[in-house]
Amino acid sequence: MTTALAADREPPLARGPGRLRRLRRDAVRYRWLFLLMLPGLVYFALFRFWPMYGARIAFKNYIPFLGIDGSEWVGFAHFQAFLSNPDFPRLLVNTLVIAALSLLIAFPLTIVLALLLNELRLQILKRTVQTLVYIPHFLSWTVVVSITALLFAIDTGPLWTFFAGLFGTDANMLADPDWFRPLVLMQMVWKDTGWGTIIFLAALAGVDQEQYEAAIIDGAGRWQRVRHITIPSILPTITVLLILHTGQILNTGFEQIYLMSNSLNRTVADVFDTYVYFAGIEQGAYSYSTAVGLFKAIVGLVLIFGTNWLAKRFNQQGIF
């Protein structure tokens, strides 16, 4: 004990060489894990952190031939122009509506599907269903939108025929603003719901099976076991994913919305992501579009901190 106390009283510099030796030993011991981590680090360094250097043009009147340093500093002028733009309320509403549909419908459906898969006892059937619901995730949005165009083609599309008979309409659903959001929601659910179950199924695999056995002995039915054992066990996972989803509330995704939009449904299809493309790429307003993107990032950061704080207030596990 005296030796341990003496070691604790040693100055930090005296313990430095020992720490370096441990770091070297761990680096050699876990070298393959570090190697597997390297592509992810390179990706984030190149596509997440390095672009932050160019984010300065949001505060400048960027002119390409003058460069970032040579362009005039304008402060928050681009942010003020964006917030006072007549299109801002429409963009905000369109973005929030699509985000709300994703958060309130698509996200819970992922949990429901994971719970249903977890209740399957026949492993062959369970794995077959899992494979089938995972496959759409690997299709690009271009393929998904092309399939949608075939299914909802006027007079020939099977889903157009079904909904036309159900609702008594002969409208062009791909161009009708009233149908834009339902179609986008159906695409999101079909493409990503199955893939999103992976994390929940992993969390469900860690639930203590003895709790289910004890509940069965006490006479609990299947719904009671799901309500009182399964859902509380994965609630921390649900909370963490909900926080992360909330931080992405203004990121509705560019490719899907851009491919689904046209001149007839543009009033409900324009969101922040497509607006950045039109303003920055087509019109060459690089500083202005960067300011819009930076605005989205700041709002997302505030939402993550806010939802994390709320989760802690309700005694739930946060992300930090």
C-alpha atoms as a PDB file:
ATOM      1  CA  MET A   1       0.000   0.000   0.000  1.00  0.00           C
ATOM      2  CA  THR A   2       2.900   2.312   0.794  1.00  0.00           C
ATOM      3  CA  THR A   3       4.319   1.642  -2.667  1.00  0.00           C
ATOM      4  CA  ALA A   4       0.978   2.474  -4.304  1.00  0.00           C
ATOM      5  CA  LEU A   5       0.709   5.736  -2.362  1.00  0.00           C
ATOM      6  CA  ALA A   6       4.242   6.639  -3.337  1.00  0.00           C
ATOM      7  CA  ALA A   7       3.428   5.954  -6.985  1.00  0.00           C
ATOM      8  CA  ASP A   8       0.379   8.213  -6.759  1.00  0.00           C
ATOM      9  CA  ARG A   9       2.565  11.004  -5.355  1.00  0.00           C
ATOM     10  CA  GLU A  10       5.002  10.797  -8.289  1.00  0.00           C
ATOM     11  CA  PRO A  11       4.949  13.860 -10.531  1.00  0.00           C
ATOM     12  CA  PRO A  12       3.265  13.453 -13.945  1.00  0.00           C
ATOM     13  CA  LEU A  13       6.623  13.625 -15.726  1.00  0.00           C
ATOM     14  CA  ALA A  14       7.852  10.591 -13.827  1.00  0.00           C
ATOM     15  CA  ARG A  15       4.957   8.546 -15.090  1.00  0.00           C
ATOM     16  CA  GLY A  16       5.313   9.817 -18.656  1.00  0.00           C
ATOM     17  CA  PRO A  17       7.693   7.135 -20.017  1.00  0.00           C
ATOM     18  CA  GLY A  18       5.453   4.396 -18.615  1.00  0.00           C
ATOM     19  CA  ARG A  19       2.445   5.826 -20.361  1.00  0.00           C
ATOM     20  CA  LEU A  20       4.331   6.077 -23.643  1.00  0.00           C
ATOM     21  CA  ARG A  21       5.368   2.439 -23.346  1.00  0.00           C
ATOM     22  CA  ARG A  22       1.769   1.416 -22.754  1.00  0.00           C
ATOM     23  CA  LEU A  23       0.632   3.456 -25.754  1.00  0.00           C
ATOM     24  CA  ARG A  24       3.238   1.796 -27.965  1.00  0.00           C
ATOM     25  CA  ARG A  25       2.278  -1.619 -26.662  1.00  0.00           C
ATOM     26  CA  ASP A  26      -1.417  -0.973 -27.286  1.00  0.00           C
ATOM     27  CA  ALA A  27      -0.668   0.422 -30.754  1.00  0.00           C
ATOM     28  CA  VAL A  28       1.158  -2.790 -31.676  1.00  0.00           C
ATOM     29  CA  ARG A  29      -1.393  -5.023 -29.985  1.00  0.00           C
ATOM     30  CA  TYR A  30      -4.415  -3.411 -31.685  1.00  0.00           C
ATOM     31  CA  ARG A  31      -2.698  -2.501 -34.964  1.00  0.00           C
ATOM     32  CA  TRP A  32      -5.262  -4.328 -37.102  1.00  0.00           C
ATOM     33  CA  LEU A  33      -8.135  -2.521 -35.403  1.00  0.00           C
ATOM     34  CA  PHE A  34      -6.411   0.805 -36.039  1.00  0.00           C
ATOM     35  CA  LEU A  35      -5.905  -0.250 -39.664  1.00  0.00           C
ATOM     36  CA  LEU A  36      -9.632  -0.976 -40.014  1.00  0.00           C
ATOM     37  CA  MET A  37     -10.371   2.431 -38.505  1.00  0.00           C
ATOM     38  CA  LEU A  38      -8.053   4.237 -40.925  1.00  0.00           C
ATOM     39  CA  PRO A  39     -10.452   4.477 -43.939  1.00  0.00           C
ATOM     40  CA  GLY A  40     -13.124   6.041 -41.725  1.00  0.00           C
ATOM     41  CA  LEU A  41     -10.650   8.567 -40.332  1.00  0.00           C
ATOM     42  CA  VAL A  42      -9.460   9.452 -43.838  1.00  0.00           C
ATOM     43  CA  TYR A  43     -13.065   9.875 -45.010  1.00  0.00           C
ATOM     44  CA  PHE A  44     -13.971  12.243 -42.176  1.00  0.00           C
ATOM     45  CA  ALA A  45     -10.695  14.150 -42.515  1.00  0.00           C
ATOM     46  CA  LEU A  46     -11.166  14.732 -46.258  1.00  0.00           C
ATOM     47  CA  PHE A  47     -14.924  15.193 -46.537  1.00  0.00           C
ATOM     48  CA  ARG A  48     -15.944  16.523 -43.101  1.00  0.00           C
ATOM     49  CA  PHE A  49     -13.089  18.437 -41.498  1.00  0.00           C
ATOM     50  CA  TRP A  50     -11.058  19.712 -44.446  1.00  0.00           C
ATOM     51  CA  PRO A  51     -14.086  21.449 -46.093  1.00  0.00           C
ATOM     52  CA  MET A  52     -14.471  23.512 -42.914  1.00  0.00           C
ATOM     53  CA  TYR A  53     -11.523  25.558 -44.147  1.00  0.00           C
ATOM     54  CA  GLY A  54     -13.605  26.722 -47.099  1.00  0.00           C
ATOM     55  CA  ALA A  55     -16.624  27.520 -44.939  1.00  0.00           C
ATOM     56  CA  ARG A  56     -15.073  30.960 -44.457  1.00  0.00           C
ATOM     57  CA  ILE A  57     -16.532  32.049 -47.787  1.00  0.00           C
ATOM     58  CA  ALA A  58     -19.934  32.246 -46.054  1.00  0.00           C
ATOM     59  CA  PHE A  59     -18.635  35.461 -44.498  1.00  0.00           C
ATOM     60  CA  LYS A  60     -17.041  36.774 -47.687  1.00  0.00           C
ATOM     61  CA  ASN A  61     -18.114  37.861 -51.143  1.00  0.00           C
ATOM     62  CA  TYR A  62     -16.215  35.005 -52.733  1.00  0.00           C
ATOM     63  CA  ILE A  63     -14.838  35.532 -56.209  1.00  0.00           C
ATOM     64  CA  PRO A  64     -13.011  32.481 -57.592  1.00  0.00           C
ATOM     65  CA  PHE A  65     -10.145  34.290 -59.335  1.00  0.00           C
ATOM     66  CA  LEU A  66      -9.431  36.315 -56.165  1.00  0.00           C
ATOM     67  CA  GLY A  67      -9.402  33.249 -53.953  1.00  0.00           C
ATOM     68  CA  ILE A  68     -10.720  32.891 -50.415  1.00  0.00           C
ATOM     69  CA  ASP A  69      -8.155  35.181 -48.816  1.00  0.00           C
ATOM     70  CA  GLY A  70      -8.458  37.837 -51.501  1.00  0.00           C
ATOM     71  CA  SER A  71     -12.260  38.066 -51.453  1.00  0.00           C
ATOM     72  CA  GLU A  72     -14.023  40.869 -49.601  1.00  0.00           C
ATOM     73  CA  TRP A  73     -15.196  40.235 -46.035  1.00  0.00           C
ATOM     74  CA  VAL A  74     -18.947  40.900 -45.696  1.00  0.00           C
ATOM     75  CA  GLY A  75     -19.689  39.387 -42.276  1.00  0.00           C
ATOM     76  CA  PHE A  76     -23.233  38.104 -41.814  1.00  0.00           C
ATOM     77  CA  ALA A  77     -24.626  39.747 -44.951  1.00  0.00           C
ATOM     78  CA  HIS A  78     -25.357  36.417 -46.663  1.00  0.00           C
ATOM     79  CA  PHE A  79     -27.107  35.058 -43.585  1.00  0.00           C
ATOM     80  CA  GLN A  80     -29.270  38.186 -43.391  1.00  0.00           C
ATOM     81  CA  ALA A  81     -30.088  37.915 -47.094  1.00  0.00           C
ATOM     82  CA  PHE A  82     -31.125  34.275 -46.699  1.00  0.00           C
ATOM     83  CA  LEU A  83     -33.290  34.819 -43.615  1.00  0.00           C
ATOM     84  CA  SER A  84     -35.008  37.814 -45.256  1.00  0.00           C
ATOM     85  CA  ASN A  85     -35.486  35.994 -48.581  1.00  0.00           C
ATOM     86  CA  PRO A  86     -39.197  35.590 -49.467  1.00  0.00           C
ATOM     87  CA  ASP A  87     -38.498  31.915 -50.251  1.00  0.00           C
ATOM     88  CA  PHE A  88     -37.198  31.196 -46.740  1.00  0.00           C
ATOM     89  CA  PRO A  89     -40.598  30.471 -45.085  1.00  0.00           C
ATOM     90  CA  ARG A  90     -41.586  28.116 -47.910  1.00  0.00           C
ATOM     91  CA  LEU A  91     -38.236  26.307 -47.793  1.00  0.00           C
ATOM     92  CA  LEU A  92     -38.444  25.989 -44.025  1.00  0.00           C
ATOM     93  CA  VAL A  93     -41.984  24.593 -44.079  1.00  0.00           C
ATOM     94  CA  ASN A  94     -41.212  22.108 -46.865  1.00  0.00           C
ATOM     95  CA  THR A  95     -38.067  20.914 -45.091  1.00  0.00           C
ATOM     96  CA  LEU A  96     -39.744  20.574 -41.698  1.00  0.00           C
ATOM     97  CA  VAL A  97     -42.763  18.724 -43.101  1.00  0.00           C
ATOM     98  CA  ILE A  98     -40.600  16.095 -44.807  1.00  0.00           C
ATOM     99  CA  ALA A  99     -38.388  15.831 -41.729  1.00  0.00           C
ATOM    100  CA  ALA A 100     -41.461  15.428 -39.512  1.00  0.00           C
ATOM    101  CA  LEU A 101     -42.807  12.649 -41.744  1.00  0.00           C
ATOM    102  CA  SER A 102     -39.470  10.874 -41.487  1.00  0.00           C
ATOM    103  CA  LEU A 103     -39.199  11.358 -37.723  1.00  0.00           C
ATOM    104  CA  LEU A 104     -42.807  10.597 -36.774  1.00  0.00           C
ATOM    105  CA  ILE A 105     -43.619   7.822 -39.269  1.00  0.00           C
ATOM    106  CA  ALA A 106     -40.508   6.293 -40.849  1.00  0.00           C
ATOM    107  CA  PHE A 107     -38.484   6.164 -37.603  1.00  0.00           C
ATOM    108  CA  PRO A 108     -41.207   4.447 -35.515  1.00  0.00           C
ATOM    109  CA  LEU A 109     -41.859   1.979 -38.342  1.00  0.00           C
ATOM    110  CA  THR A 110     -38.215   0.921 -38.083  1.00  0.00           C
ATOM    111  CA  ILE A 111     -38.744   0.103 -34.405  1.00  0.00           C
ATOM    112  CA  VAL A 112     -41.997  -1.740 -35.119  1.00  0.00           C
ATOM    113  CA  LEU A 113     -40.356  -3.832 -37.852  1.00  0.00           C
ATOM    114  CA  ALA A 114     -37.454  -4.696 -35.540  1.00  0.00           C
ATOM    115  CA  LEU A 115     -39.897  -5.812 -32.829  1.00  0.00           C
ATOM    116  CA  LEU A 116     -41.820  -7.952 -35.334  1.00  0.00           C
ATOM    117  CA  LEU A 117     -38.630  -9.574 -36.613  1.00  0.00           C
ATOM    118  CA  ASN A 118     -37.531 -10.235 -33.063  1.00  0.00           C
ATOM    119  CA  GLU A 119     -40.755 -12.147 -32.390  1.00  0.00           C
ATOM    120  CA  LEU A 120     -40.150 -14.572 -35.266  1.00  0.00           C
ATOM    121  CA  ARG A 121     -39.012 -17.893 -33.851  1.00  0.00           C
ATOM    122  CA  LEU A 122     -38.353 -19.736 -37.122  1.00  0.00           C
ATOM    123  CA  GLN A 123     -34.776 -18.643 -37.925  1.00  0.00           C
ATOM    124  CA  ILE A 124     -34.982 -19.449 -41.633  1.00  0.00           C
ATOM    125  CA  LEU A 125     -38.048 -17.249 -42.034  1.00  0.00           C
ATOM    126  CA  LYS A 126     -36.502 -14.497 -39.899  1.00  0.00           C
ATOM    127  CA  ARG A 127     -33.284 -14.382 -41.929  1.00  0.00           C
ATOM    128  CA  THR A 128     -35.179 -14.516 -45.213  1.00  0.00           C
ATOM    129  CA  VAL A 129     -37.355 -11.554 -44.225  1.00  0.00           C
ATOM    130  CA  GLN A 130     -34.309  -9.633 -42.966  1.00  0.00           C
ATOM    131  CA  THR A 131     -32.523 -10.153 -46.278  1.00  0.00           C
ATOM    132  CA  LEU A 132     -35.547  -9.021 -48.274  1.00  0.00           C
ATOM    133  CA  VAL A 133     -36.019  -5.819 -46.255  1.00  0.00           C
ATOM    134  CA  TYR A 134     -32.282  -5.010 -46.378  1.00  0.00           C
ATOM    135  CA  ILE A 135     -32.011  -5.198 -50.189  1.00  0.00           C
ATOM    136  CA  PRO A 136     -33.757  -1.845 -51.024  1.00  0.00           C
ATOM    137  CA  HIS A 137     -31.144   0.047 -49.015  1.00  0.00           C
ATOM    138  CA  PHE A 138     -28.468  -0.880 -51.563  1.00  0.00           C
ATOM    139  CA  LEU A 139     -30.428   0.599 -54.464  1.00  0.00           C
ATOM    140  CA  SER A 140     -29.512   4.140 -55.435  1.00  0.00           C
ATOM    141  CA  TRP A 141     -32.131   6.873 -55.312  1.00  0.00           C
ATOM    142  CA  THR A 142     -31.944   7.033 -59.093  1.00  0.00           C
ATOM    143  CA  VAL A 143     -33.135   3.431 -59.300  1.00  0.00           C
ATOM    144  CA  VAL A 144     -35.799   3.991 -56.626  1.00  0.00           C
ATOM    145  CA  VAL A 145     -37.194   7.060 -58.412  1.00  0.00           C
ATOM    146  CA  SER A 146     -37.155   5.189 -61.731  1.00  0.00           C
ATOM    147  CA  ILE A 147     -39.165   2.350 -60.176  1.00  0.00           C
ATOM    148  CA  THR A 148     -41.565   4.925 -58.733  1.00  0.00           C
ATOM    149  CA  ALA A 149     -42.004   6.494 -62.161  1.00  0.00           C
ATOM    150  CA  LEU A 150     -42.910   3.100 -63.635  1.00  0.00           C
ATOM    151  CA  LEU A 151     -45.311   2.207 -60.832  1.00  0.00           C
ATOM    152  CA  PHE A 152     -47.103   5.568 -60.975  1.00  0.00           C
ATOM    153  CA  ALA A 153     -47.096   6.097 -64.755  1.00  0.00           C
ATOM    154  CA  ILE A 154     -50.468   7.411 -65.952  1.00  0.00           C
ATOM    155  CA  ASP A 155     -52.817   4.681 -67.255  1.00  0.00           C
ATOM    156  CA  THR A 156     -50.106   1.981 -67.165  1.00  0.00           C
ATOM    157  CA  GLY A 157     -48.602   2.074 -63.682  1.00  0.00           C
ATOM    158  CA  PRO A 158     -50.080  -0.584 -61.346  1.00  0.00           C
ATOM    159  CA  LEU A 159     -49.988   1.662 -58.283  1.00  0.00           C
ATOM    160  CA  TRP A 160     -51.437   4.585 -60.257  1.00  0.00           C
ATOM    161  CA  THR A 161     -54.325   2.317 -61.310  1.00  0.00           C
ATOM    162  CA  PHE A 162     -54.846   1.160 -57.727  1.00  0.00           C
ATOM    163  CA  PHE A 163     -54.849   4.628 -56.151  1.00  0.00           C
ATOM    164  CA  ALA A 164     -56.851   6.121 -59.023  1.00  0.00           C
ATOM    165  CA  GLY A 165     -59.581   3.569 -58.398  1.00  0.00           C
ATOM    166  CA  LEU A 166     -59.321   3.975 -54.625  1.00  0.00           C
ATOM    167  CA  PHE A 167     -59.528   7.775 -54.575  1.00  0.00           C
ATOM    168  CA  GLY A 168     -61.392   8.309 -57.835  1.00  0.00           C
ATOM    169  CA  THR A 169     -58.757  10.534 -59.415  1.00  0.00           C
ATOM    170  CA  ASP A 170     -56.894  10.541 -62.708  1.00  0.00           C
ATOM    171  CA  ALA A 171     -54.245  13.066 -61.661  1.00  0.00           C
ATOM    172  CA  ASN A 172     -50.589  12.759 -62.586  1.00  0.00           C
ATOM    173  CA  MET A 173     -49.356  11.741 -59.151  1.00  0.00           C
ATOM    174  CA  LEU A 174     -45.706  12.317 -60.028  1.00  0.00           C
ATOM    175  CA  ALA A 175     -46.431  15.966 -60.830  1.00  0.00           C
ATOM    176  CA  ASP A 176     -49.233  16.662 -58.358  1.00  0.00           C
ATOM    177  CA  PRO A 177     -47.992  18.712 -55.356  1.00  0.00           C
ATOM    178  CA  ASP A 178     -50.500  16.920 -53.097  1.00  0.00           C
ATOM    179  CA  TRP A 179     -48.891  13.572 -53.894  1.00  0.00           C
ATOM    180  CA  PHE A 180     -45.257  14.642 -53.604  1.00  0.00           C
ATOM    181  CA  ARG A 181     -44.854  14.160 -49.848  1.00  0.00           C
ATOM    182  CA  PRO A 182     -46.719  10.817 -49.666  1.00  0.00           C
ATOM    183  CA  LEU A 183     -44.557   9.475 -52.495  1.00  0.00           C
ATOM    184  CA  VAL A 184     -41.356  10.674 -50.806  1.00  0.00           C
ATOM    185  CA  LEU A 185     -42.461   9.095 -47.529  1.00  0.00           C
ATOM    186  CA  MET A 186     -43.275   5.770 -49.203  1.00  0.00           C
ATOM    187  CA  GLN A 187     -39.841   5.760 -50.830  1.00  0.00           C
ATOM    188  CA  MET A 188     -38.083   6.453 -47.539  1.00  0.00           C
ATOM    189  CA  VAL A 189     -40.031   3.734 -45.741  1.00  0.00           C
ATOM    190  CA  TRP A 190     -39.445   1.154 -48.469  1.00  0.00           C
ATOM    191  CA  LYS A 191     -35.740   1.917 -48.889  1.00  0.00           C
ATOM    192  CA  ASP A 192     -34.451   2.510 -45.362  1.00  0.00           C
ATOM    193  CA  THR A 193     -36.830   0.935 -42.839  1.00  0.00           C
ATOM    194  CA  GLY A 194     -35.348  -2.539 -43.155  1.00  0.00           C
ATOM    195  CA  TRP A 195     -31.764  -1.305 -42.965  1.00  0.00           C
ATOM    196  CA  GLY A 196     -32.560   0.754 -39.883  1.00  0.00           C
ATOM    197  CA  THR A 197     -33.606  -2.366 -37.970  1.00  0.00           C
ATOM    198  CA  ILE A 198     -30.001  -3.594 -37.742  1.00  0.00           C
ATOM    199  CA  ILE A 199     -29.137  -1.469 -34.707  1.00  0.00           C
ATOM    200  CA  PHE A 200     -32.399  -2.292 -32.936  1.00  0.00           C
ATOM    201  CA  LEU A 201     -32.007  -6.017 -33.597  1.00  0.00           C
ATOM    202  CA  ALA A 202     -28.488  -5.843 -32.162  1.00  0.00           C
ATOM    203  CA  ALA A 203     -29.890  -4.149 -29.051  1.00  0.00           C
ATOM    204  CA  LEU A 204     -32.657  -6.752 -28.795  1.00  0.00           C
ATOM    205  CA  ALA A 205     -30.077  -9.545 -28.975  1.00  0.00           C
ATOM    206  CA  GLY A 206     -28.598  -8.248 -25.729  1.00  0.00           C
ATOM    207  CA  VAL A 207     -31.839  -8.480 -23.741  1.00  0.00           C
ATOM    208  CA  ASP A 208     -31.586 -11.037 -20.917  1.00  0.00           C
ATOM    209  CA  GLN A 209     -33.671 -14.054 -21.914  1.00  0.00           C
ATOM    210  CA  GLU A 210     -34.247 -14.945 -18.257  1.00  0.00           C
ATOM    211  CA  GLN A 211     -36.530 -11.926 -17.992  1.00  0.00           C
ATOM    212  CA  TYR A 212     -38.778 -13.389 -20.696  1.00  0.00           C
ATOM    213  CA  GLU A 213     -38.761 -16.785 -19.014  1.00  0.00           C
ATOM    214  CA  ALA A 214     -39.714 -15.247 -15.677  1.00  0.00           C
ATOM    215  CA  ALA A 215     -42.471 -13.226 -17.345  1.00  0.00           C
ATOM    216  CA  ILE A 216     -43.890 -16.342 -19.022  1.00  0.00           C
ATOM    217  CA  ILE A 217     -43.946 -18.128 -15.662  1.00  0.00           C
ATOM    218  CA  ASP A 218     -45.829 -15.161 -14.191  1.00  0.00           C
ATOM    219  CA  GLY A 219     -48.411 -15.465 -16.970  1.00  0.00           C
ATOM    220  CA  ALA A 220     -47.393 -12.482 -19.101  1.00  0.00           C
ATOM    221  CA  GLY A 221     -48.596 -12.587 -22.694  1.00  0.00           C
ATOM    222  CA  ARG A 222     -46.532 -11.693 -25.733  1.00  0.00           C
ATOM    223  CA  TRP A 223     -47.727  -8.079 -25.861  1.00  0.00           C
ATOM    224  CA  GLN A 224     -47.052  -7.661 -22.133  1.00  0.00           C
ATOM    225  CA  ARG A 225     -43.516  -9.001 -22.569  1.00  0.00           C
ATOM    226  CA  VAL A 226     -42.905  -6.583 -25.423  1.00  0.00           C
ATOM    227  CA  ARG A 227     -44.316  -3.659 -23.457  1.00  0.00           C
ATOM    228  CA  HIS A 228     -42.615  -4.292 -20.116  1.00  0.00           C
ATOM    229  CA  ILE A 229     -39.354  -5.997 -21.136  1.00  0.00           C
ATOM    230  CA  THR A 230     -38.446  -5.486 -24.794  1.00  0.00           C
ATOM    231  CA  ILE A 231     -39.227  -1.801 -25.245  1.00  0.00           C
ATOM    232  CA  PRO A 232     -37.648  -0.648 -21.934  1.00  0.00           C
ATOM    233  CA  SER A 233     -34.530  -2.670 -22.783  1.00  0.00           C
ATOM    234  CA  ILE A 234     -33.974  -0.883 -26.110  1.00  0.00           C
ATOM    235  CA  LEU A 235     -35.151   2.542 -24.907  1.00  0.00           C
ATOM    236  CA  PRO A 236     -31.562   3.872 -24.512  1.00  0.00           C
ATOM    237  CA  THR A 237     -30.841   2.874 -28.129  1.00  0.00           C
ATOM    238  CA  ILE A 238     -34.062   4.532 -29.298  1.00  0.00           C
ATOM    239  CA  THR A 239     -33.151   7.709 -27.405  1.00  0.00           C
ATOM    240  CA  VAL A 240     -29.644   7.939 -28.895  1.00  0.00           C
ATOM    241  CA  LEU A 241     -30.899   7.382 -32.443  1.00  0.00           C
ATOM    242  CA  LEU A 242     -33.714   9.883 -31.920  1.00  0.00           C
ATOM    243  CA  ILE A 243     -31.173  12.506 -30.838  1.00  0.00           C
ATOM    244  CA  LEU A 244     -29.074  11.843 -33.936  1.00  0.00           C
ATOM    245  CA  HIS A 245     -32.153  11.953 -36.192  1.00  0.00           C
ATOM    246  CA  THR A 246     -33.200  15.263 -34.649  1.00  0.00           C
ATOM    247  CA  GLY A 247     -29.790  16.738 -35.467  1.00  0.00           C
ATOM    248  CA  GLN A 248     -30.400  15.846 -39.121  1.00  0.00           C
ATOM    249  CA  ILE A 249     -33.867  17.398 -39.227  1.00  0.00           C
ATOM    250  CA  LEU A 250     -32.887  20.005 -41.839  1.00  0.00           C
ATOM    251  CA  ASN A 251     -31.018  17.449 -43.972  1.00  0.00           C
ATOM    252  CA  THR A 252     -33.821  15.921 -45.995  1.00  0.00           C
ATOM    253  CA  GLY A 253     -31.404  14.553 -48.570  1.00  0.00           C
ATOM    254  CA  PHE A 254     -30.623  16.157 -51.902  1.00  0.00           C
ATOM    255  CA  GLU A 255     -30.718  13.308 -54.396  1.00  0.00           C
ATOM    256  CA  GLN A 256     -34.186  11.925 -53.638  1.00  0.00           C
ATOM    257  CA  ILE A 257     -35.875  15.330 -53.495  1.00  0.00           C
ATOM    258  CA  TYR A 258     -34.081  16.599 -56.599  1.00  0.00           C
ATOM    259  CA  LEU A 259     -35.034  13.545 -58.660  1.00  0.00           C
ATOM    260  CA  MET A 260     -38.662  13.654 -57.507  1.00  0.00           C
ATOM    261  CA  SER A 261     -39.126  17.383 -58.101  1.00  0.00           C
ATOM    262  CA  ASN A 262     -40.302  18.989 -61.313  1.00  0.00           C
ATOM    263  CA  SER A 263     -41.720  22.316 -62.443  1.00  0.00           C
ATOM    264  CA  LEU A 264     -45.261  21.338 -61.373  1.00  0.00           C
ATOM    265  CA  ASN A 265     -44.556  20.275 -57.780  1.00  0.00           C
ATOM    266  CA  ARG A 266     -41.725  22.704 -57.075  1.00  0.00           C
ATOM    267  CA  THR A 267     -43.839  24.652 -54.550  1.00  0.00           C
ATOM    268  CA  VAL A 268     -43.704  21.742 -52.090  1.00  0.00           C
ATOM    269  CA  ALA A 269     -40.512  20.076 -53.348  1.00  0.00           C
ATOM    270  CA  ASP A 270     -38.028  22.885 -52.751  1.00  0.00           C
ATOM    271  CA  VAL A 271     -36.037  22.265 -49.544  1.00  0.00           C
ATOM    272  CA  PHE A 272     -32.790  23.662 -48.166  1.00  0.00           C
ATOM    273  CA  ASP A 273     -30.670  20.964 -49.833  1.00  0.00           C
ATOM    274  CA  THR A 274     -32.004  21.579 -53.325  1.00  0.00           C
ATOM    275  CA  TYR A 275     -31.960  25.341 -52.757  1.00  0.00           C
ATOM    276  CA  VAL A 276     -28.224  25.152 -52.001  1.00  0.00           C
ATOM    277  CA  TYR A 277     -27.708  23.356 -55.314  1.00  0.00           C
ATOM    278  CA  PHE A 278     -29.742  25.820 -57.362  1.00  0.00           C
ATOM    279  CA  ALA A 279     -28.185  28.868 -55.694  1.00  0.00           C
ATOM    280  CA  GLY A 280     -24.628  27.604 -55.465  1.00  0.00           C
ATOM    281  CA  ILE A 281     -24.108  25.496 -58.586  1.00  0.00           C
ATOM    282  CA  GLU A 282     -26.590  26.811 -61.149  1.00  0.00           C
ATOM    283  CA  GLN A 283     -26.446  30.496 -60.166  1.00  0.00           C
ATOM    284  CA  GLY A 284     -22.840  30.575 -58.935  1.00  0.00           C
ATOM    285  CA  ALA A 285     -23.704  32.174 -55.566  1.00  0.00           C
ATOM    286  CA  TYR A 286     -21.031  30.217 -53.720  1.00  0.00           C
ATOM    287  CA  SER A 287     -20.836  32.389 -50.624  1.00  0.00           C
ATOM    288  CA  TYR A 288     -24.603  32.601 -50.287  1.00  0.00           C
ATOM    289  CA  SER A 289     -25.127  28.840 -50.648  1.00  0.00           C
ATOM    290  CA  THR A 290     -22.310  28.174 -48.171  1.00  0.00           C
ATOM    291  CA  ALA A 291     -24.072  30.436 -45.688  1.00  0.00           C
ATOM    292  CA  VAL A 292     -27.246  28.377 -46.146  1.00  0.00           C
ATOM    293  CA  GLY A 293     -25.345  25.151 -45.536  1.00  0.00           C
ATOM    294  CA  LEU A 294     -23.641  26.620 -42.474  1.00  0.00           C
ATOM    295  CA  PHE A 295     -27.019  27.748 -41.161  1.00  0.00           C
ATOM    296  CA  LYS A 296     -28.280  24.173 -41.443  1.00  0.00           C
ATOM    297  CA  ALA A 297     -25.222  22.841 -39.626  1.00  0.00           C
ATOM    298  CA  ILE A 298     -25.588  25.302 -36.756  1.00  0.00           C
ATOM    299  CA  VAL A 299     -29.287  24.514 -36.340  1.00  0.00           C
ATOM    300  CA  GLY A 300     -28.510  20.790 -36.355  1.00  0.00           C
ATOM    301  CA  LEU A 301     -25.837  21.248 -33.690  1.00  0.00           C
ATOM    302  CA  VAL A 302     -28.224  23.237 -31.493  1.00  0.00           C
ATOM    303  CA  LEU A 303     -30.921  20.569 -31.910  1.00  0.00           C
ATOM    304  CA  ILE A 304     -28.525  17.786 -30.924  1.00  0.00           C
ATOM    305  CA  PHE A 305     -27.489  19.608 -27.755  1.00  0.00           C
ATOM    306  CA  GLY A 306     -31.113  20.488 -27.003  1.00  0.00           C
ATOM    307  CA  THR A 307     -32.514  16.986 -27.452  1.00  0.00           C
ATOM    308  CA  ASN A 308     -29.586  15.517 -25.526  1.00  0.00           C
ATOM    309  CA  TRP A 309     -30.358  17.913 -22.652  1.00  0.00           C
ATOM    310  CA  LEU A 310     -34.033  16.915 -22.737  1.00  0.00           C
ATOM    311  CA  ALA A 311     -33.101  13.235 -22.699  1.00  0.00           C
ATOM    312  CA  LYS A 312     -30.984  13.785 -19.588  1.00  0.00           C
ATOM    313  CA  ARG A 313     -33.816  15.706 -17.944  1.00  0.00           C
ATOM    314  CA  PHE A 314     -36.093  12.680 -18.459  1.00  0.00           C
ATOM    315  CA  ASN A 315     -33.433  10.372 -16.993  1.00  0.00           C
ATOM    316  CA  GLN A 316     -32.603   8.835 -20.368  1.00  0.00           C
ATOM    317  CA  GLN A 317     -29.174   8.083 -21.775  1.00  0.00           C
ATOM    318  CA  GLY A 318     -27.789  10.802 -24.032  1.00  0.00           C
ATOM    319  CA  ILE A 319     -24.926  10.728 -26.513  1.00  0.00           C
ATOM    320  CA  PHE A 320     -22.585  12.726 -24.245  1.00  0.00           C
END
